[in-house]
Amino acid sequence: MSESNGSPADASAAEVGVRLRAARAKIGMTRRQLAAASGASERYLALLEAGTGNPTLAVLALLAGALDIAVADLIPMGGERGQSRAEAASMLRRLPESRLRSAIEWMASPRGIDTLRGERIVLVGLRGAGKSSLGSALAERLGLPFLEMSREVEAAYGGEMRLLIELGGQSALRQYEHEAWEAILARYSAVVIATPGGIVADPILYDRVLASAHSVWLEASPEDHMQRVMAQGDFRPMASNRSAMDDLKAILDARSADYARAEARLNTSAQDFAATCDKLQEIARSIIR
């Protein structure tokens, strides 16, 4: 990266680079995949992410479309004055039109969001943290049903998640995930749910998840994440990437702040499976009281 002279333009370019890297990592998209989806060259994307490129509004629009985010989300503070306003504006931009009116009415209401979580327990975290295996074991111990949200999405779509993303893109994935979550809420007041690692890439859905279920972040060391994903015979989203560990760490860095919003967290690398199950059961019982 070239040395910056400290000008506002340099600072803005650097911020665009940070936002672009974070948005790409949050959904687990490689630079090559983003280049293919947006039509921009990998070399140009590398310059943008390093803060040395000179993006036009047209280029930012193409990149935002490929990432399924608003153009403003790639601009420092979204063009807003003040961090809180910027965050609020970003959330409103992502709301579907059908929910925008209710959001406006909620902001004018003293009631606040619905925090009735019942006995729903949702597990969040990166792939390989143990959400499926630990979630299934926890559900059995508590005598509750166990659901994998990805399976619910696939059942509603009638095909694999991979095909849904390839054919419909991120916007279609988000639509099916929203519908799947609302269907789960309608059917179950007590359940253990394993969520996709990338759920944090949709802040509106993630806020809804945290408001309507008790949440636990299952975290692990990058090495354990990598080993477990490989043991599953599936190396997405790091397939055909020589810098797989670097990509995994970048994804984890981009998502950790959102995962940390969960009510509780448990390091699944700190002890064996049985001991981890015991700890998770203790956490679950404490947060659903």
Protein backbone atom coordinates (compact mmCIF):
# COMPACT_ATOMS: atom_id res chain seq x y z
CA MET A 1 0.00 0.00 0.00
CA SER A 2 1.38 3.40 -0.90
CA GLU A 3 2.00 5.99 1.77
CA SER A 4 -0.91 8.30 2.47
CA ASN A 5 -0.42 12.06 2.67
CA GLY A 6 -3.22 12.22 5.21
CA SER A 7 -5.70 14.02 2.96
CA PRO A 8 -9.47 13.48 3.38
CA ALA A 9 -9.52 11.76 -0.02
CA ASP A 10 -6.88 9.28 1.11
CA ALA A 11 -8.78 8.61 4.33
CA SER A 12 -12.00 8.04 2.39
CA ALA A 13 -10.30 5.64 -0.05
CA ALA A 14 -8.84 3.70 2.87
CA GLU A 15 -12.27 3.48 4.53
CA VAL A 16 -13.86 2.24 1.30
CA GLY A 17 -11.18 -0.46 1.21
CA VAL A 18 -11.90 -1.50 4.77
CA ARG A 19 -15.65 -1.64 4.10
CA LEU A 20 -15.18 -3.59 0.88
CA ARG A 21 -12.93 -6.20 2.53
CA ALA A 22 -15.31 -6.56 5.48
CA ALA A 23 -18.40 -6.93 3.27
CA ARG A 24 -16.69 -9.54 1.12
CA ALA A 25 -15.38 -11.49 4.12
CA LYS A 26 -18.68 -11.37 5.98
CA ILE A 27 -20.45 -13.37 3.27
CA GLY A 28 -17.39 -15.57 2.65
CA MET A 29 -16.79 -14.36 -0.91
CA THR A 30 -13.27 -14.51 -2.33
CA ARG A 31 -11.81 -11.64 -4.32
CA ARG A 32 -11.92 -13.82 -7.42
CA GLN A 33 -15.62 -14.53 -6.90
CA LEU A 34 -16.35 -10.84 -6.42
CA ALA A 35 -14.44 -10.02 -9.59
CA ALA A 36 -16.49 -12.54 -11.54
CA ALA A 37 -19.78 -11.30 -10.09
CA SER A 38 -19.06 -7.60 -10.55
CA GLY A 39 -16.99 -7.53 -13.73
CA ALA A 40 -14.10 -5.73 -12.01
CA SER A 41 -10.61 -7.20 -12.29
CA GLU A 42 -8.98 -8.89 -9.32
CA ARG A 43 -6.04 -6.48 -9.59
CA TYR A 44 -8.35 -3.48 -9.39
CA LEU A 45 -10.20 -4.98 -6.43
CA ALA A 46 -6.86 -5.52 -4.68
CA LEU A 47 -6.06 -1.83 -5.16
CA LEU A 48 -9.46 -0.78 -3.83
CA GLU A 49 -9.13 -2.99 -0.77
CA ALA A 50 -5.65 -1.63 -0.13
CA GLY A 51 -7.06 1.90 -0.18
CA THR A 52 -5.03 2.95 -3.21
CA GLY A 53 -7.71 2.62 -5.87
CA ASN A 54 -9.97 5.37 -7.16
CA PRO A 55 -13.49 3.92 -7.26
CA THR A 56 -16.19 5.68 -9.23
CA LEU A 57 -19.82 5.63 -8.17
CA ALA A 58 -20.54 3.26 -11.06
CA VAL A 59 -17.91 0.81 -9.82
CA LEU A 60 -19.20 1.00 -6.25
CA ALA A 61 -22.70 0.31 -7.57
CA LEU A 62 -21.49 -2.82 -9.37
CA LEU A 63 -19.63 -4.05 -6.29
CA ALA A 64 -22.57 -3.31 -4.00
CA GLY A 65 -24.87 -5.22 -6.35
CA ALA A 66 -22.57 -8.24 -6.34
CA LEU A 67 -22.39 -8.14 -2.53
CA ASP A 68 -26.14 -7.46 -2.19
CA ILE A 69 -25.61 -4.37 -0.08
CA ALA A 70 -26.49 -0.72 -0.54
CA VAL A 71 -23.92 1.50 -2.27
CA ALA A 72 -23.97 3.71 0.81
CA ASP A 73 -22.66 0.78 2.87
CA LEU A 74 -19.35 1.08 1.01
CA ILE A 75 -19.10 4.82 1.65
CA PRO A 76 -17.61 6.15 4.92
CA MET A 77 -20.41 6.52 7.47
CA GLY A 78 -22.86 5.83 4.64
CA GLY A 79 -22.74 9.52 3.91
CA GLU A 80 -24.31 10.20 7.33
CA ARG A 81 -23.03 12.51 10.03
CA GLY A 82 -22.65 10.52 13.22
CA GLN A 83 -22.06 6.80 13.76
CA SER A 84 -25.44 6.05 15.34
CA ARG A 85 -27.31 7.70 12.48
CA ALA A 86 -25.15 5.82 10.00
CA GLU A 87 -25.96 2.46 11.63
CA ALA A 88 -29.68 3.27 11.78
CA ALA A 89 -29.73 4.38 8.15
CA SER A 90 -27.91 1.21 7.09
CA MET A 91 -30.47 -0.99 8.84
CA LEU A 92 -33.41 0.87 7.30
CA ARG A 93 -31.89 0.60 3.82
CA ARG A 94 -31.83 -3.18 4.16
CA LEU A 95 -35.45 -3.56 5.25
CA PRO A 96 -37.86 -4.93 2.65
CA GLU A 97 -40.67 -2.53 1.80
CA SER A 98 -43.18 -4.82 3.51
CA ARG A 99 -41.44 -4.31 6.87
CA LEU A 100 -40.45 -0.68 6.53
CA ARG A 101 -43.79 0.70 7.72
CA SER A 102 -43.80 -1.49 10.84
CA ALA A 103 -40.23 -0.37 11.60
CA ILE A 104 -41.26 3.27 11.37
CA GLU A 105 -44.22 2.61 13.64
CA TRP A 106 -41.97 0.79 16.11
CA MET A 107 -39.56 3.74 16.25
CA ALA A 108 -42.49 5.95 17.20
CA SER A 109 -43.72 3.46 19.82
CA PRO A 110 -42.49 3.22 23.45
CA ARG A 111 -42.83 -0.58 23.44
CA GLY A 112 -39.57 -1.45 21.72
CA ILE A 113 -38.82 -4.63 19.81
CA ASP A 114 -40.32 -7.98 20.70
CA THR A 115 -37.94 -9.71 23.10
CA LEU A 116 -40.17 -12.67 23.91
CA ARG A 117 -37.66 -15.44 23.29
CA GLY A 118 -39.53 -18.28 24.94
CA GLU A 119 -37.32 -21.34 25.29
CA ARG A 120 -35.76 -21.02 21.87
CA ILE A 121 -31.99 -21.42 21.87
CA VAL A 122 -30.07 -20.38 18.79
CA LEU A 123 -26.42 -21.26 18.18
CA VAL A 124 -24.35 -18.83 16.12
CA GLY A 125 -20.77 -18.96 14.93
CA LEU A 126 -18.49 -19.80 12.05
CA ARG A 127 -18.67 -23.14 10.24
CA GLY A 128 -16.78 -25.78 12.16
CA ALA A 129 -17.62 -24.40 15.59
CA GLY A 130 -19.80 -27.44 16.37
CA LYS A 131 -23.28 -25.92 16.01
CA SER A 132 -24.81 -29.02 14.45
CA SER A 133 -23.23 -31.70 16.63
CA LEU A 134 -23.50 -29.74 19.87
CA GLY A 135 -26.95 -28.42 19.01
CA SER A 136 -28.27 -31.92 18.42
CA ALA A 137 -26.75 -33.17 21.67
CA LEU A 138 -28.11 -30.19 23.62
CA ALA A 139 -31.61 -30.66 22.20
CA GLU A 140 -31.58 -34.31 23.23
CA ARG A 141 -30.50 -33.43 26.76
CA LEU A 142 -33.17 -30.76 27.12
CA GLY A 143 -35.88 -32.82 25.43
CA LEU A 144 -36.35 -30.21 22.69
CA PRO A 145 -36.55 -30.43 18.89
CA PHE A 146 -33.39 -29.59 16.96
CA LEU A 147 -33.38 -27.69 13.67
CA GLU A 148 -30.67 -26.62 11.28
CA MET A 149 -31.77 -23.41 9.63
CA SER A 150 -29.91 -24.26 6.42
CA ARG A 151 -31.95 -27.46 6.13
CA GLU A 152 -35.15 -25.48 6.63
CA VAL A 153 -34.11 -23.12 3.83
CA GLU A 154 -33.27 -26.03 1.53
CA ALA A 155 -36.61 -27.68 2.25
CA ALA A 156 -38.49 -24.49 1.41
CA TYR A 157 -36.40 -23.88 -1.71
CA GLY A 158 -36.48 -27.48 -2.87
CA GLY A 159 -32.75 -27.67 -3.52
CA GLU A 160 -29.30 -27.21 -2.05
CA MET A 161 -28.12 -23.90 -0.58
CA ARG A 162 -25.31 -23.93 -3.12
CA LEU A 163 -27.78 -23.87 -5.99
CA LEU A 164 -29.91 -21.23 -4.33
CA ILE A 165 -26.92 -18.92 -4.07
CA GLU A 166 -25.61 -19.71 -7.55
CA LEU A 167 -28.97 -19.18 -9.24
CA GLY A 168 -30.54 -16.50 -7.07
CA GLY A 169 -27.61 -14.76 -5.43
CA GLN A 170 -27.40 -13.34 -1.93
CA SER A 171 -30.75 -11.56 -2.17
CA ALA A 172 -32.60 -14.83 -2.80
CA LEU A 173 -30.74 -16.51 0.04
CA ARG A 174 -31.73 -13.75 2.42
CA GLN A 175 -35.37 -13.93 1.38
CA TYR A 176 -35.52 -17.67 2.05
CA GLU A 177 -33.66 -17.28 5.36
CA HIS A 178 -36.10 -14.60 6.54
CA GLU A 179 -39.05 -16.80 5.63
CA ALA A 180 -37.48 -19.85 7.26
CA TRP A 181 -36.88 -18.00 10.52
CA GLU A 182 -40.42 -16.66 10.68
CA ALA A 183 -41.75 -20.17 10.00
CA ILE A 184 -39.64 -21.53 12.86
CA LEU A 185 -40.97 -18.85 15.22
CA ALA A 186 -44.53 -19.69 14.23
CA ARG A 187 -44.07 -23.42 14.91
CA TYR A 188 -41.83 -23.54 17.97
CA SER A 189 -41.65 -21.73 21.28
CA ALA A 190 -39.07 -24.20 22.60
CA VAL A 191 -36.36 -25.47 20.22
CA VAL A 192 -32.62 -25.57 19.60
CA ILE A 193 -31.56 -24.03 16.28
CA ALA A 194 -28.20 -24.08 14.50
CA THR A 195 -27.84 -21.06 12.20
CA PRO A 196 -25.65 -20.63 9.10
CA GLY A 197 -22.34 -18.94 9.80
CA GLY A 198 -23.13 -16.15 7.39
CA ILE A 199 -26.38 -15.10 9.04
CA VAL A 200 -24.61 -12.04 10.45
CA ALA A 201 -24.26 -10.70 6.89
CA ASP A 202 -27.96 -9.83 7.06
CA PRO A 203 -28.23 -7.40 9.99
CA ILE A 204 -32.02 -7.18 9.84
CA LEU A 205 -32.45 -10.94 10.12
CA TYR A 206 -29.71 -11.22 12.72
CA ASP A 207 -31.38 -8.57 14.88
CA ARG A 208 -34.62 -10.52 14.57
CA VAL A 209 -32.89 -13.76 15.57
CA LEU A 210 -31.28 -12.20 18.66
CA ALA A 211 -34.59 -10.63 19.68
CA SER A 212 -36.66 -13.79 19.33
CA ALA A 213 -34.34 -16.50 20.71
CA HIS A 214 -31.73 -16.93 23.41
CA SER A 215 -28.34 -16.98 21.71
CA VAL A 216 -24.98 -18.65 22.27
CA TRP A 217 -21.86 -17.98 20.22
CA LEU A 218 -19.88 -21.16 19.70
CA GLU A 219 -16.32 -20.15 18.93
CA ALA A 220 -13.19 -22.18 18.21
CA SER A 221 -9.60 -21.64 17.19
CA PRO A 222 -9.02 -21.03 13.46
CA GLU A 223 -7.12 -24.30 13.32
CA ASP A 224 -10.06 -26.24 14.78
CA HIS A 225 -12.48 -24.51 12.43
CA MET A 226 -10.35 -25.53 9.48
CA GLN A 227 -9.84 -29.12 10.63
CA ARG A 228 -13.52 -29.67 11.36
CA VAL A 229 -14.68 -28.26 8.04
CA MET A 230 -12.21 -30.47 6.20
CA ALA A 231 -13.37 -33.47 8.22
CA GLN A 232 -16.89 -32.78 6.96
CA GLY A 233 -15.57 -33.16 3.42
CA ASP A 234 -16.58 -29.64 2.54
CA PHE A 235 -14.09 -26.82 2.21
CA ARG A 236 -16.43 -23.99 1.24
CA PRO A 237 -16.05 -21.04 1.19
CA MET A 238 -12.30 -21.60 0.91
CA ALA A 239 -12.38 -24.02 -2.02
CA SER A 240 -9.56 -23.71 -4.58
CA ASN A 241 -7.92 -21.00 -2.51
CA ARG A 242 -4.26 -21.34 -1.57
CA SER A 243 -4.70 -18.82 1.23
CA ALA A 244 -7.48 -20.79 2.90
CA MET A 245 -6.37 -20.08 6.47
CA ASP A 246 -5.95 -16.36 5.77
CA ASP A 247 -9.44 -16.28 4.28
CA LEU A 248 -10.89 -18.11 7.26
CA LYS A 249 -9.26 -15.68 9.68
CA ALA A 250 -10.52 -12.72 7.64
CA ILE A 251 -14.07 -14.09 7.73
CA LEU A 252 -13.81 -14.69 11.47
CA ASP A 253 -12.46 -11.17 12.05
CA ALA A 254 -15.27 -9.67 9.97
CA ARG A 255 -17.97 -11.56 11.85
CA SER A 256 -16.68 -11.72 15.43
CA ALA A 257 -18.18 -8.42 16.57
CA ASP A 258 -21.61 -9.60 15.43
CA TYR A 259 -21.24 -13.08 16.91
CA ALA A 260 -20.22 -11.42 20.20
CA ARG A 261 -23.68 -9.83 20.44
CA ALA A 262 -25.03 -13.22 21.55
CA GLU A 263 -26.14 -13.58 25.16
CA ALA A 264 -23.44 -16.11 25.92
CA ARG A 265 -20.34 -17.58 24.32
CA LEU A 266 -18.57 -20.91 24.58
CA ASN A 267 -15.12 -21.87 23.33
CA THR A 268 -15.49 -25.34 21.83
CA SER A 269 -11.71 -25.74 21.49
CA ALA A 270 -11.09 -25.52 25.23
CA GLN A 271 -12.25 -29.04 26.18
CA ASP A 272 -13.43 -32.34 24.72
CA PHE A 273 -16.90 -32.86 23.23
CA ALA A 274 -18.52 -34.29 26.37
CA ALA A 275 -17.23 -31.47 28.55
CA THR A 276 -18.33 -28.93 25.96
CA CYS A 277 -21.83 -30.44 25.96
CA ASP A 278 -21.94 -30.12 29.74
CA LYS A 279 -20.92 -26.46 29.59
CA LEU A 280 -23.41 -25.71 26.83
CA GLN A 281 -26.19 -27.35 28.81
CA GLU A 282 -25.32 -25.21 31.84
CA ILE A 283 -25.37 -22.07 29.71
CA ALA A 284 -28.68 -23.00 28.09
CA ARG A 285 -30.39 -23.66 31.41
CA SER A 286 -29.14 -20.37 32.81
CA ILE A 287 -30.35 -18.18 29.94
CA ILE A 288 -33.81 -19.71 29.51
CA ARG A 289 -34.80 -19.43 33.15
